[in-house]
Structures are given as C-alpha cells and as structure tokens.
Amino acid sequence: MSERRRSFRKFQKREPSLTTEQKIEKFVLRNSDNGYFTKISTIPYKFEISESKTWDIVGELLGNGTLESIHDEITGEMKLCRVDKRYSIMNLEKKRKQEKYKTNKKITKPKKQN
C-alpha cells in the first residue's frame, strides 16, 4: 500500500495584516455602502489611536480622492463618506429621521379632549 499524504485543509497562506490606514479606509467605505456617514470622533475610539494620528490619516485619505467629507449642520462635526455617496447618504438619513419622527408620533399620540 502506498502512503498518502494528508493535505493541510486548514492551512492557508496568511496575507499581511492591514495597516491602520487601510483598516480605517475600509471601515469608512463599508459604512458608506451601508448608507451611513463615519464621524471623525469615532475613529480614535474604535481603532485606539490618538486624535492627531487620526487627523493625519484622514488627511491622507481625503488627499487620495477615495473619500470626501462634510460637516454636520447641527454639531459641526466632520463626517466622511465614499466619493459621490454624499447626497444618497444624506437622503437616507433624512428618510430615517422622518420614520423615527412618525413612529414616535404614533406612540405618543395625544388623547382627544371633549
């Protein structure tokens, strides 16, 4: 009988881990594809990096042309999204706020007075 060598089924070549910049870019792009902006203030918290490092990375990503930024009208906070997704995400946010308002209005509907 010939001996068979078992193949290592679980063996996979590991790709080099992504840099922090690449992780942040993928995170922002994924959020954009799902219809959400990414606030700059969440990046240092989520990726455990300093604020100055965050701004350096964001500056590079904006310079590459893959991302664009807007400022929140109410808080003034900077938000990121994929290029050309700004208006579609803003439209989705508007719809979500309207739905939230409608559901809250239905729940807290005042009683009629005689």
PDB file of N, CA and C in Angstrom:
ATOM      1  N   MET A   1       0.824  -1.190   0.000  1.00  0.00           N
ATOM      2  CA  MET A   1       0.000   0.000   0.000  1.00  0.00           C
ATOM      3  C   MET A   1       0.867   1.253   0.000  1.00  0.00           C
ATOM      4  N   SER A   2       0.427   2.161  -0.749  1.00  0.00           N
ATOM      5  CA  SER A   2       1.165   3.418  -0.781  1.00  0.00           C
ATOM      6  C   SER A   2       0.622   4.359   0.292  1.00  0.00           C
ATOM      7  N   GLU A   3       1.511   5.093   0.816  1.00  0.00           N
ATOM      8  CA  GLU A   3       1.088   6.058   1.845  1.00  0.00           C
ATOM      9  C   GLU A   3       0.594   7.326   1.172  1.00  0.00           C
ATOM     10  N   ARG A   4      -0.481   7.793   1.692  1.00  0.00           N
ATOM     11  CA  ARG A   4      -0.997   9.063   1.176  1.00  0.00           C
ATOM     12  C   ARG A   4      -0.646  10.169   2.150  1.00  0.00           C
ATOM     13  N   ARG A   5      -0.304  11.260   1.596  1.00  0.00           N
ATOM     14  CA  ARG A   5      -0.043  12.420   2.448  1.00  0.00           C
ATOM     15  C   ARG A   5      -1.318  13.191   2.616  1.00  0.00           C
ATOM     16  N   ARG A   6      -1.567  13.538   3.821  1.00  0.00           N
ATOM     17  CA  ARG A   6      -2.756  14.344   4.092  1.00  0.00           C
ATOM     18  C   ARG A   6      -2.497  15.787   3.720  1.00  0.00           C
ATOM     19  N   SER A   7      -3.451  16.344   3.042  1.00  0.00           N
ATOM     20  CA  SER A   7      -3.305  17.760   2.734  1.00  0.00           C
ATOM     21  C   SER A   7      -3.724  18.563   3.961  1.00  0.00           C
ATOM     22  N   PHE A   8      -3.125  19.665   4.119  1.00  0.00           N
ATOM     23  CA  PHE A   8      -3.469  20.525   5.244  1.00  0.00           C
ATOM     24  C   PHE A   8      -4.639  21.389   4.818  1.00  0.00           C
ATOM     25  N   ARG A   9      -5.821  20.934   5.158  1.00  0.00           N
ATOM     26  CA  ARG A   9      -7.018  21.645   4.727  1.00  0.00           C
ATOM     27  C   ARG A   9      -7.146  23.005   5.380  1.00  0.00           C
ATOM     28  N   LYS A  10      -6.740  23.068   6.611  1.00  0.00           N
ATOM     29  CA  LYS A  10      -6.884  24.338   7.332  1.00  0.00           C
ATOM     30  C   LYS A  10      -5.721  25.281   7.081  1.00  0.00           C
ATOM     31  N   PHE A  11      -4.740  24.798   6.381  1.00  0.00           N
ATOM     32  CA  PHE A  11      -3.579  25.625   6.126  1.00  0.00           C
ATOM     33  C   PHE A  11      -3.905  26.653   5.054  1.00  0.00           C
ATOM     34  N   GLN A  12      -3.708  27.896   5.404  1.00  0.00           N
ATOM     35  CA  GLN A  12      -3.918  28.976   4.458  1.00  0.00           C
ATOM     36  C   GLN A  12      -2.740  29.924   4.533  1.00  0.00           C
ATOM     37  N   LYS A  13      -2.390  30.435   3.415  1.00  0.00           N
ATOM     38  CA  LYS A  13      -1.349  31.447   3.434  1.00  0.00           C
ATOM     39  C   LYS A  13      -1.959  32.710   3.998  1.00  0.00           C
ATOM     40  N   ARG A  14      -1.343  33.202   5.003  1.00  0.00           N
ATOM     41  CA  ARG A  14      -1.847  34.422   5.628  1.00  0.00           C
ATOM     42  C   ARG A  14      -1.352  35.627   4.861  1.00  0.00           C
ATOM     43  N   GLU A  15      -2.294  36.501   4.604  1.00  0.00           N
ATOM     44  CA  GLU A  15      -1.922  37.748   3.968  1.00  0.00           C
ATOM     45  C   GLU A  15      -1.396  38.679   5.051  1.00  0.00           C
ATOM     46  N   PRO A  16      -0.527  39.582   4.687  1.00  0.00           N
ATOM     47  CA  PRO A  16      -0.037  40.503   5.709  1.00  0.00           C
ATOM     48  C   PRO A  16      -1.199  41.321   6.260  1.00  0.00           C
ATOM     49  N   SER A  17      -1.161  41.575   7.555  1.00  0.00           N
ATOM     50  CA  SER A  17      -2.259  42.313   8.168  1.00  0.00           C
ATOM     51  C   SER A  17      -2.317  43.734   7.614  1.00  0.00           C
ATOM     52  N   LEU A  18      -3.518  44.275   7.607  1.00  0.00           N
ATOM     53  CA  LEU A  18      -3.725  45.612   7.055  1.00  0.00           C
ATOM     54  C   LEU A  18      -3.152  46.670   7.984  1.00  0.00           C
ATOM     55  N   THR A  19      -2.717  47.746   7.401  1.00  0.00           N
ATOM     56  CA  THR A  19      -2.253  48.865   8.211  1.00  0.00           C
ATOM     57  C   THR A  19      -3.467  49.579   8.794  1.00  0.00           C
ATOM     58  N   THR A  20      -3.236  50.417   9.774  1.00  0.00           N
ATOM     59  CA  THR A  20      -4.320  51.170  10.393  1.00  0.00           C
ATOM     60  C   THR A  20      -5.027  52.038   9.362  1.00  0.00           C
ATOM     61  N   GLU A  21      -4.267  52.633   8.463  1.00  0.00           N
ATOM     62  CA  GLU A  21      -4.850  53.470   7.421  1.00  0.00           C
ATOM     63  C   GLU A  21      -5.809  52.673   6.546  1.00  0.00           C
ATOM     64  N   GLN A  22      -5.386  51.464   6.168  1.00  0.00           N
ATOM     65  CA  GLN A  22      -6.231  50.620   5.329  1.00  0.00           C
ATOM     66  C   GLN A  22      -7.489  50.170   6.076  1.00  0.00           C
ATOM     67  N   LYS A  23      -7.338  49.864   7.356  1.00  0.00           N
ATOM     68  CA  LYS A  23      -8.492  49.462   8.161  1.00  0.00           C
ATOM     69  C   LYS A  23      -9.509  50.594   8.260  1.00  0.00           C
ATOM     70  N   ILE A  24      -9.017  51.800   8.485  1.00  0.00           N
ATOM     71  CA  ILE A  24      -9.913  52.955   8.604  1.00  0.00           C
ATOM     72  C   ILE A  24     -10.604  53.206   7.269  1.00  0.00           C
ATOM     73  N   GLU A  25      -9.850  53.128   6.180  1.00  0.00           N
ATOM     74  CA  GLU A  25     -10.448  53.355   4.864  1.00  0.00           C
ATOM     75  C   GLU A  25     -11.541  52.328   4.580  1.00  0.00           C
ATOM     76  N   LYS A  26     -11.267  51.054   4.860  1.00  0.00           N
ATOM     77  CA  LYS A  26     -12.273  50.009   4.637  1.00  0.00           C
ATOM     78  C   LYS A  26     -13.506  50.243   5.503  1.00  0.00           C
ATOM     79  N   PHE A  27     -13.294  50.680   6.736  1.00  0.00           N
ATOM     80  CA  PHE A  27     -14.398  50.957   7.656  1.00  0.00           C
ATOM     81  C   PHE A  27     -15.294  52.064   7.117  1.00  0.00           C
ATOM     82  N   VAL A  28     -14.694  53.147   6.675  1.00  0.00           N
ATOM     83  CA  VAL A  28     -15.458  54.284   6.144  1.00  0.00           C
ATOM     84  C   VAL A  28     -16.194  53.879   4.867  1.00  0.00           C
ATOM     85  N   LEU A  29     -15.531  53.151   3.982  1.00  0.00           N
ATOM     86  CA  LEU A  29     -16.160  52.725   2.735  1.00  0.00           C
ATOM     87  C   LEU A  29     -17.317  51.764   2.993  1.00  0.00           C
ATOM     88  N   ARG A  30     -17.145  50.870   3.961  1.00  0.00           N
ATOM     89  CA  ARG A  30     -18.215  49.931   4.316  1.00  0.00           C
ATOM     90  C   ARG A  30     -19.415  50.678   4.883  1.00  0.00           C
ATOM     91  N   ASN A  31     -19.162  51.652   5.756  1.00  0.00           N
ATOM     92  CA  ASN A  31     -20.257  52.463   6.300  1.00  0.00           C
ATOM     93  C   ASN A  31     -20.981  53.206   5.182  1.00  0.00           C
ATOM     94  N   SER A  32     -20.237  53.753   4.237  1.00  0.00           N
ATOM     95  CA  SER A  32     -20.841  54.477   3.117  1.00  0.00           C
ATOM     96  C   SER A  32     -21.724  53.557   2.288  1.00  0.00           C
ATOM     97  N   ASP A  33     -21.233  52.368   2.020  1.00  0.00           N
ATOM     98  CA  ASP A  33     -22.014  51.417   1.229  1.00  0.00           C
ATOM     99  C   ASP A  33     -23.290  51.002   1.957  1.00  0.00           C
ATOM    100  N   ASN A  34     -23.253  51.030   3.281  1.00  0.00           N
ATOM    101  CA  ASN A  34     -24.434  50.686   4.080  1.00  0.00           C
ATOM    102  C   ASN A  34     -25.339  51.886   4.336  1.00  0.00           C
ATOM    103  N   GLY A  35     -24.959  53.067   3.839  1.00  0.00           N
ATOM    104  CA  GLY A  35     -25.810  54.235   3.934  1.00  0.00           C
ATOM    105  C   GLY A  35     -25.587  55.110   5.156  1.00  0.00           C
ATOM    106  N   TYR A  36     -24.380  55.107   5.700  1.00  0.00           N
ATOM    107  CA  TYR A  36     -24.080  55.909   6.885  1.00  0.00           C
ATOM    108  C   TYR A  36     -22.797  56.704   6.689  1.00  0.00           C
ATOM    109  N   PHE A  37     -22.749  57.863   7.329  1.00  0.00           N
ATOM    110  CA  PHE A  37     -21.519  58.632   7.401  1.00  0.00           C
ATOM    111  C   PHE A  37     -20.681  58.087   8.552  1.00  0.00           C
ATOM    112  N   THR A  38     -19.385  58.352   8.529  1.00  0.00           N
ATOM    113  CA  THR A  38     -18.496  57.993   9.627  1.00  0.00           C
ATOM    114  C   THR A  38     -18.012  59.281  10.270  1.00  0.00           C
ATOM    115  N   LYS A  39     -18.333  59.466  11.537  1.00  0.00           N
ATOM    116  CA  LYS A  39     -17.878  60.650  12.254  1.00  0.00           C
ATOM    117  C   LYS A  39     -16.402  60.490  12.588  1.00  0.00           C
ATOM    118  N   ILE A  40     -15.679  61.580  12.473  1.00  0.00           N
ATOM    119  CA  ILE A  40     -14.245  61.560  12.774  1.00  0.00           C
ATOM    120  C   ILE A  40     -14.011  61.171  14.235  1.00  0.00           C
ATOM    121  N   SER A  41     -14.895  61.579  15.122  1.00  0.00           N
ATOM    122  CA  SER A  41     -14.708  61.316  16.552  1.00  0.00           C
ATOM    123  C   SER A  41     -14.773  59.832  16.889  1.00  0.00           C
ATOM    124  N   THR A  42     -15.369  58.994  16.029  1.00  0.00           N
ATOM    125  CA  THR A  42     -15.439  57.565  16.317  1.00  0.00           C
ATOM    126  C   THR A  42     -14.153  56.830  15.969  1.00  0.00           C
ATOM    127  N   ILE A  43     -13.356  57.391  15.101  1.00  0.00           N
ATOM    128  CA  ILE A  43     -12.157  56.693  14.624  1.00  0.00           C
ATOM    129  C   ILE A  43     -11.123  56.468  15.735  1.00  0.00           C
ATOM    130  N   PRO A  44     -10.750  57.497  16.519  1.00  0.00           N
ATOM    131  CA  PRO A  44      -9.762  57.228  17.577  1.00  0.00           C
ATOM    132  C   PRO A  44     -10.284  56.224  18.603  1.00  0.00           C
ATOM    133  N   TYR A  45     -11.571  56.269  18.858  1.00  0.00           N
ATOM    134  CA  TYR A  45     -12.175  55.361  19.837  1.00  0.00           C
ATOM    135  C   TYR A  45     -12.166  53.924  19.311  1.00  0.00           C
ATOM    136  N   LYS A  46     -12.579  53.736  18.067  1.00  0.00           N
ATOM    137  CA  LYS A  46     -12.704  52.397  17.503  1.00  0.00           C
ATOM    138  C   LYS A  46     -11.351  51.750  17.227  1.00  0.00           C
ATOM    139  N   PHE A  47     -10.392  52.531  16.738  1.00  0.00           N
ATOM    140  CA  PHE A  47      -9.109  51.959  16.341  1.00  0.00           C
ATOM    141  C   PHE A  47      -8.002  52.190  17.365  1.00  0.00           C
ATOM    142  N   GLU A  48      -8.360  52.798  18.481  1.00  0.00           N
ATOM    143  CA  GLU A  48      -7.419  53.026  19.587  1.00  0.00           C
ATOM    144  C   GLU A  48      -6.142  53.719  19.128  1.00  0.00           C
ATOM    145  N   ILE A  49      -6.322  54.860  18.482  1.00  0.00           N
ATOM    146  CA  ILE A  49      -5.199  55.684  18.069  1.00  0.00           C
ATOM    147  C   ILE A  49      -5.449  57.104  18.558  1.00  0.00           C
ATOM    148  N   SER A  50      -4.420  57.913  18.543  1.00  0.00           N
ATOM    149  CA  SER A  50      -4.551  59.285  19.030  1.00  0.00           C
ATOM    150  C   SER A  50      -5.321  60.145  18.030  1.00  0.00           C
ATOM    151  N   GLU A  51      -5.827  61.264  18.525  1.00  0.00           N
ATOM    152  CA  GLU A  51      -6.570  62.172  17.654  1.00  0.00           C
ATOM    153  C   GLU A  51      -5.674  62.774  16.579  1.00  0.00           C
ATOM    154  N   SER A  52      -4.438  63.101  16.936  1.00  0.00           N
ATOM    155  CA  SER A  52      -3.533  63.692  15.941  1.00  0.00           C
ATOM    156  C   SER A  52      -3.222  62.684  14.835  1.00  0.00           C
ATOM    157  N   LYS A  53      -3.032  61.424  15.203  1.00  0.00           N
ATOM    158  CA  LYS A  53      -2.795  60.369  14.211  1.00  0.00           C
ATOM    159  C   LYS A  53      -4.035  60.208  13.331  1.00  0.00           C
ATOM    160  N   THR A  54      -5.218  60.310  13.950  1.00  0.00           N
ATOM    161  CA  THR A  54      -6.468  60.206  13.199  1.00  0.00           C
ATOM    162  C   THR A  54      -6.547  61.285  12.141  1.00  0.00           C
ATOM    163  N   TRP A  55      -6.241  62.513  12.517  1.00  0.00           N
ATOM    164  CA  TRP A  55      -6.320  63.617  11.554  1.00  0.00           C
ATOM    165  C   TRP A  55      -5.295  63.468  10.441  1.00  0.00           C
ATOM    166  N   ASP A  56      -4.110  62.931  10.773  1.00  0.00           N
ATOM    167  CA  ASP A  56      -3.111  62.667   9.738  1.00  0.00           C
ATOM    168  C   ASP A  56      -3.634  61.651   8.721  1.00  0.00           C
ATOM    169  N   ILE A  57      -4.219  60.569   9.231  1.00  0.00           N
ATOM    170  CA  ILE A  57      -4.743  59.511   8.363  1.00  0.00           C
ATOM    171  C   ILE A  57      -5.898  60.036   7.518  1.00  0.00           C
ATOM    172  N   VAL A  58      -6.809  60.787   8.143  1.00  0.00           N
ATOM    173  CA  VAL A  58      -7.956  61.335   7.427  1.00  0.00           C
ATOM    174  C   VAL A  58      -7.487  62.289   6.328  1.00  0.00           C
ATOM    175  N   GLY A  59      -6.486  63.089   6.630  1.00  0.00           N
ATOM    176  CA  GLY A  59      -5.931  63.995   5.621  1.00  0.00           C
ATOM    177  C   GLY A  59      -5.389  63.242   4.424  1.00  0.00           C
ATOM    178  N   GLU A  60      -4.686  62.132   4.678  1.00  0.00           N
ATOM    179  CA  GLU A  60      -4.155  61.320   3.584  1.00  0.00           C
ATOM    180  C   GLU A  60      -5.287  60.713   2.755  1.00  0.00           C
ATOM    181  N   LEU A  61      -6.313  60.194   3.441  1.00  0.00           N
ATOM    182  CA  LEU A  61      -7.422  59.562   2.731  1.00  0.00           C
ATOM    183  C   LEU A  61      -8.198  60.568   1.893  1.00  0.00           C
ATOM    184  N   LEU A  62      -8.364  61.767   2.410  1.00  0.00           N
ATOM    185  CA  LEU A  62      -9.051  62.800   1.643  1.00  0.00           C
ATOM    186  C   LEU A  62      -8.197  63.230   0.445  1.00  0.00           C
ATOM    187  N   GLY A  63      -6.901  63.242   0.633  1.00  0.00           N
ATOM    188  CA  GLY A  63      -5.986  63.607  -0.449  1.00  0.00           C
ATOM    189  C   GLY A  63      -5.937  62.572  -1.559  1.00  0.00           C
ATOM    190  N   ASN A  64      -6.165  61.294  -1.200  1.00  0.00           N
ATOM    191  CA  ASN A  64      -6.157  60.222  -2.205  1.00  0.00           C
ATOM    192  C   ASN A  64      -7.333  60.324  -3.165  1.00  0.00           C
ATOM    193  N   GLY A  65      -8.419  60.927  -2.704  1.00  0.00           N
ATOM    194  CA  GLY A  65      -9.579  61.090  -3.570  1.00  0.00           C
ATOM    195  C   GLY A  65     -10.602  59.982  -3.464  1.00  0.00           C
ATOM    196  N   THR A  66     -10.424  59.038  -2.533  1.00  0.00           N
ATOM    197  CA  THR A  66     -11.406  57.963  -2.381  1.00  0.00           C
ATOM    198  C   THR A  66     -12.535  58.369  -1.430  1.00  0.00           C
ATOM    199  N   LEU A  67     -12.250  59.322  -0.563  1.00  0.00           N
ATOM    200  CA  LEU A  67     -13.240  59.763   0.426  1.00  0.00           C
ATOM    201  C   LEU A  67     -13.489  61.256   0.288  1.00  0.00           C
ATOM    202  N   GLU A  68     -14.670  61.670   0.761  1.00  0.00           N
ATOM    203  CA  GLU A  68     -14.961  63.094   0.853  1.00  0.00           C
ATOM    204  C   GLU A  68     -15.558  63.367   2.226  1.00  0.00           C
ATOM    205  N   SER A  69     -15.580  64.621   2.603  1.00  0.00           N
ATOM    206  CA  SER A  69     -16.060  64.966   3.940  1.00  0.00           C
ATOM    207  C   SER A  69     -17.137  66.038   3.869  1.00  0.00           C
ATOM    208  N   ILE A  70     -17.966  66.049   4.900  1.00  0.00           N
ATOM    209  CA  ILE A  70     -18.941  67.110   5.086  1.00  0.00           C
ATOM    210  C   ILE A  70     -18.947  67.446   6.564  1.00  0.00           C
ATOM    211  N   HIS A  71     -19.569  68.546   6.900  1.00  0.00           N
ATOM    212  CA  HIS A  71     -19.707  68.929   8.293  1.00  0.00           C
ATOM    213  C   HIS A  71     -21.170  68.840   8.679  1.00  0.00           C
ATOM    214  N   ASP A  72     -21.421  68.261   9.842  1.00  0.00           N
ATOM    215  CA  ASP A  72     -22.783  68.143  10.355  1.00  0.00           C
ATOM    216  C   ASP A  72     -23.351  69.537  10.569  1.00  0.00           C
ATOM    217  N   GLU A  73     -24.582  69.761  10.106  1.00  0.00           N
ATOM    218  CA  GLU A  73     -25.187  71.089  10.207  1.00  0.00           C
ATOM    219  C   GLU A  73     -25.452  71.502  11.649  1.00  0.00           C
ATOM    220  N   ILE A  74     -25.760  70.553  12.501  1.00  0.00           N
ATOM    221  CA  ILE A  74     -26.122  70.860  13.886  1.00  0.00           C
ATOM    222  C   ILE A  74     -24.890  70.935  14.781  1.00  0.00           C
ATOM    223  N   THR A  75     -24.075  69.883  14.768  1.00  0.00           N
ATOM    224  CA  THR A  75     -22.924  69.822  15.677  1.00  0.00           C
ATOM    225  C   THR A  75     -21.652  70.407  15.080  1.00  0.00           C
ATOM    226  N   GLY A  76     -21.580  70.487  13.760  1.00  0.00           N
ATOM    227  CA  GLY A  76     -20.372  70.985  13.105  1.00  0.00           C
ATOM    228  C   GLY A  76     -19.279  69.945  13.003  1.00  0.00           C
ATOM    229  N   GLU A  77     -19.594  68.716  13.395  1.00  0.00           N
ATOM    230  CA  GLU A  77     -18.600  67.648  13.362  1.00  0.00           C
ATOM    231  C   GLU A  77     -18.356  67.179  11.932  1.00  0.00           C
ATOM    232  N   MET A  78     -17.116  66.822  11.647  1.00  0.00           N
ATOM    233  CA  MET A  78     -16.738  66.372  10.315  1.00  0.00           C
ATOM    234  C   MET A  78     -17.118  64.908  10.152  1.00  0.00           C
ATOM    235  N   LYS A  79     -17.711  64.580   8.988  1.00  0.00           N
ATOM    236  CA  LYS A  79     -18.122  63.216   8.686  1.00  0.00           C
ATOM    237  C   LYS A  79     -17.540  62.817   7.338  1.00  0.00           C
ATOM    238  N   LEU A  80     -17.216  61.525   7.213  1.00  0.00           N
ATOM    239  CA  LEU A  80     -16.598  61.001   5.997  1.00  0.00           C
ATOM    240  C   LEU A  80     -17.528  60.044   5.269  1.00  0.00           C
ATOM    241  N   CYS A  81     -17.366  59.977   3.948  1.00  0.00           N
ATOM    242  CA  CYS A  81     -18.099  59.006   3.144  1.00  0.00           C
ATOM    243  C   CYS A  81     -17.333  58.764   1.855  1.00  0.00           C
ATOM    244  N   ARG A  82     -17.772  57.768   1.099  1.00  0.00           N
ATOM    245  CA  ARG A  82     -17.193  57.463  -0.211  1.00  0.00           C
ATOM    246  C   ARG A  82     -17.509  58.614  -1.161  1.00  0.00           C
ATOM    247  N   VAL A  83     -16.613  58.873  -2.088  1.00  0.00           N
ATOM    248  CA  VAL A  83     -16.839  59.920  -3.078  1.00  0.00           C
ATOM    249  C   VAL A  83     -18.117  59.608  -3.850  1.00  0.00           C
ATOM    250  N   ASP A  84     -18.923  60.623  -4.093  1.00  0.00           N
ATOM    251  CA  ASP A  84     -20.182  60.538  -4.832  1.00  0.00           C
ATOM    252  C   ASP A  84     -21.297  59.819  -4.075  1.00  0.00           C
ATOM    253  N   LYS A  85     -21.139  59.586  -2.782  1.00  0.00           N
ATOM    254  CA  LYS A  85     -22.200  58.957  -1.990  1.00  0.00           C
ATOM    255  C   LYS A  85     -22.850  59.966  -1.047  1.00  0.00           C
ATOM    256  N   ARG A  86     -22.349  61.170  -1.003  1.00  0.00           N
ATOM    257  CA  ARG A  86     -22.788  62.173  -0.038  1.00  0.00           C
ATOM    258  C   ARG A  86     -24.301  62.378  -0.080  1.00  0.00           C
ATOM    259  N   TYR A  87     -24.837  62.650  -1.245  1.00  0.00           N
ATOM    260  CA  TYR A  87     -26.246  63.005  -1.340  1.00  0.00           C
ATOM    261  C   TYR A  87     -27.166  61.806  -1.119  1.00  0.00           C
ATOM    262  N   SER A  88     -26.746  60.636  -1.547  1.00  0.00           N
ATOM    263  CA  SER A  88     -27.574  59.453  -1.302  1.00  0.00           C
ATOM    264  C   SER A  88     -27.633  59.135   0.192  1.00  0.00           C
ATOM    265  N   ILE A  89     -26.508  59.301   0.897  1.00  0.00           N
ATOM    266  CA  ILE A  89     -26.496  59.060   2.340  1.00  0.00           C
ATOM    267  C   ILE A  89     -27.312  60.126   3.062  1.00  0.00           C
ATOM    268  N   MET A  90     -27.199  61.377   2.613  1.00  0.00           N
ATOM    269  CA  MET A  90     -27.993  62.444   3.224  1.00  0.00           C
ATOM    270  C   MET A  90     -29.482  62.179   3.032  1.00  0.00           C
ATOM    271  N   ASN A  91     -29.867  61.671   1.873  1.00  0.00           N
ATOM    272  CA  ASN A  91     -31.254  61.331   1.605  1.00  0.00           C
ATOM    273  C   ASN A  91     -31.723  60.192   2.522  1.00  0.00           C
ATOM    274  N   LEU A  92     -30.875  59.176   2.697  1.00  0.00           N
ATOM    275  CA  LEU A  92     -31.212  58.074   3.592  1.00  0.00           C
ATOM    276  C   LEU A  92     -31.346  58.545   5.034  1.00  0.00           C
ATOM    277  N   GLU A  93     -30.461  59.439   5.466  1.00  0.00           N
ATOM    278  CA  GLU A  93     -30.554  59.984   6.827  1.00  0.00           C
ATOM    279  C   GLU A  93     -31.861  60.735   7.017  1.00  0.00           C
ATOM    280  N   LYS A  94     -32.240  61.503   6.016  1.00  0.00           N
ATOM    281  CA  LYS A  94     -33.483  62.260   6.087  1.00  0.00           C
ATOM    282  C   LYS A  94     -34.677  61.317   6.216  1.00  0.00           C
ATOM    283  N   LYS A  95     -34.684  60.247   5.429  1.00  0.00           N
ATOM    284  CA  LYS A  95     -35.762  59.267   5.493  1.00  0.00           C
ATOM    285  C   LYS A  95     -35.800  58.580   6.853  1.00  0.00           C
ATOM    286  N   ARG A  96     -34.633  58.244   7.401  1.00  0.00           N
ATOM    287  CA  ARG A  96     -34.586  57.595   8.721  1.00  0.00           C
ATOM    288  C   ARG A  96     -35.134  58.518   9.799  1.00  0.00           C
ATOM    289  N   LYS A  97     -34.800  59.800   9.729  1.00  0.00           N
ATOM    290  CA  LYS A  97     -35.303  60.770  10.711  1.00  0.00           C
ATOM    291  C   LYS A  97     -36.813  60.922  10.588  1.00  0.00           C
ATOM    292  N   GLN A  98     -37.332  60.939   9.353  1.00  0.00           N
ATOM    293  CA  GLN A  98     -38.775  61.055   9.151  1.00  0.00           C
ATOM    294  C   GLN A  98     -39.497  59.833   9.715  1.00  0.00           C
ATOM    295  N   GLU A  99     -38.954  58.649   9.473  1.00  0.00           N
ATOM    296  CA  GLU A  99     -39.554  57.425  10.002  1.00  0.00           C
ATOM    297  C   GLU A  99     -39.531  57.421  11.526  1.00  0.00           C
ATOM    298  N   LYS A 100     -38.427  57.868  12.081  1.00  0.00           N
ATOM    299  CA  LYS A 100     -38.305  57.928  13.536  1.00  0.00           C
ATOM    300  C   LYS A 100     -39.333  58.899  14.109  1.00  0.00           C
ATOM    301  N   TYR A 101     -39.504  60.028  13.448  1.00  0.00           N
ATOM    302  CA  TYR A 101     -40.483  61.018  13.900  1.00  0.00           C
ATOM    303  C   TYR A 101     -41.895  60.450  13.814  1.00  0.00           C
ATOM    304  N   LYS A 102     -42.204  59.760  12.707  1.00  0.00           N
ATOM    305  CA  LYS A 102     -43.532  59.181  12.530  1.00  0.00           C
ATOM    306  C   LYS A 102     -43.835  58.132  13.593  1.00  0.00           C
ATOM    307  N   THR A 103     -42.868  57.257  13.875  1.00  0.00           N
ATOM    308  CA  THR A 103     -43.102  56.211  14.869  1.00  0.00           C
ATOM    309  C   THR A 103     -43.228  56.805  16.262  1.00  0.00           C
ATOM    310  N   ASN A 104     -42.452  57.830  16.575  1.00  0.00           N
ATOM    311  CA  ASN A 104     -42.571  58.477  17.883  1.00  0.00           C
ATOM    312  C   ASN A 104     -43.901  59.200  18.006  1.00  0.00           C
ATOM    313  N   LYS A 105     -44.370  59.769  16.919  1.00  0.00           N
ATOM    314  CA  LYS A 105     -45.633  60.494  16.931  1.00  0.00           C
ATOM    315  C   LYS A 105     -46.796  59.529  17.146  1.00  0.00           C
ATOM    316  N   LYS A 106     -46.725  58.333  16.541  1.00  0.00           N
ATOM    317  CA  LYS A 106     -47.770  57.326  16.712  1.00  0.00           C
ATOM    318  C   LYS A 106     -47.813  56.824  18.151  1.00  0.00           C
ATOM    319  N   ILE A 107     -46.655  56.653  18.745  1.00  0.00           N
ATOM    320  CA  ILE A 107     -46.575  56.137  20.110  1.00  0.00           C
ATOM    321  C   ILE A 107     -47.112  57.155  21.112  1.00  0.00           C
ATOM    322  N   THR A 108     -46.750  58.406  20.939  1.00  0.00           N
ATOM    323  CA  THR A 108     -47.142  59.454  21.896  1.00  0.00           C
ATOM    324  C   THR A 108     -48.326  60.267  21.373  1.00  0.00           C
ATOM    325  N   LYS A 109     -49.252  59.592  20.737  1.00  0.00           N
ATOM    326  CA  LYS A 109     -50.412  60.287  20.169  1.00  0.00           C
ATOM    327  C   LYS A 109     -51.298  60.797  21.312  1.00  0.00           C
ATOM    328  N   PRO A 110     -51.588  62.091  21.358  1.00  0.00           N
ATOM    329  CA  PRO A 110     -52.403  62.622  22.455  1.00  0.00           C
ATOM    330  C   PRO A 110     -53.869  62.183  22.311  1.00  0.00           C
ATOM    331  N   LYS A 111     -54.528  62.075  23.480  1.00  0.00           N
ATOM    332  CA  LYS A 111     -55.939  61.694  23.513  1.00  0.00           C
ATOM    333  C   LYS A 111     -56.795  62.907  23.184  1.00  0.00           C
ATOM    334  N   LYS A 112     -57.916  62.622  22.557  1.00  0.00           N
ATOM    335  CA  LYS A 112     -58.848  63.721  22.220  1.00  0.00           C
ATOM    336  C   LYS A 112     -59.541  64.188  23.486  1.00  0.00           C
ATOM    337  N   GLN A 113     -59.737  65.515  23.563  1.00  0.00           N
ATOM    338  CA  GLN A 113     -60.447  66.081  24.705  1.00  0.00           C
ATOM    339  C   GLN A 113     -61.864  66.455  24.272  1.00  0.00           C
ATOM    340  N   ASN A 114     -62.842  66.266  25.157  1.00  0.00           N
ATOM    341  CA  ASN A 114     -64.225  66.585  24.821  1.00  0.00           C
ATOM    342  C   ASN A 114     -64.574  67.977  25.202  1.00  0.00           C
TER     343      ASN A 114
END
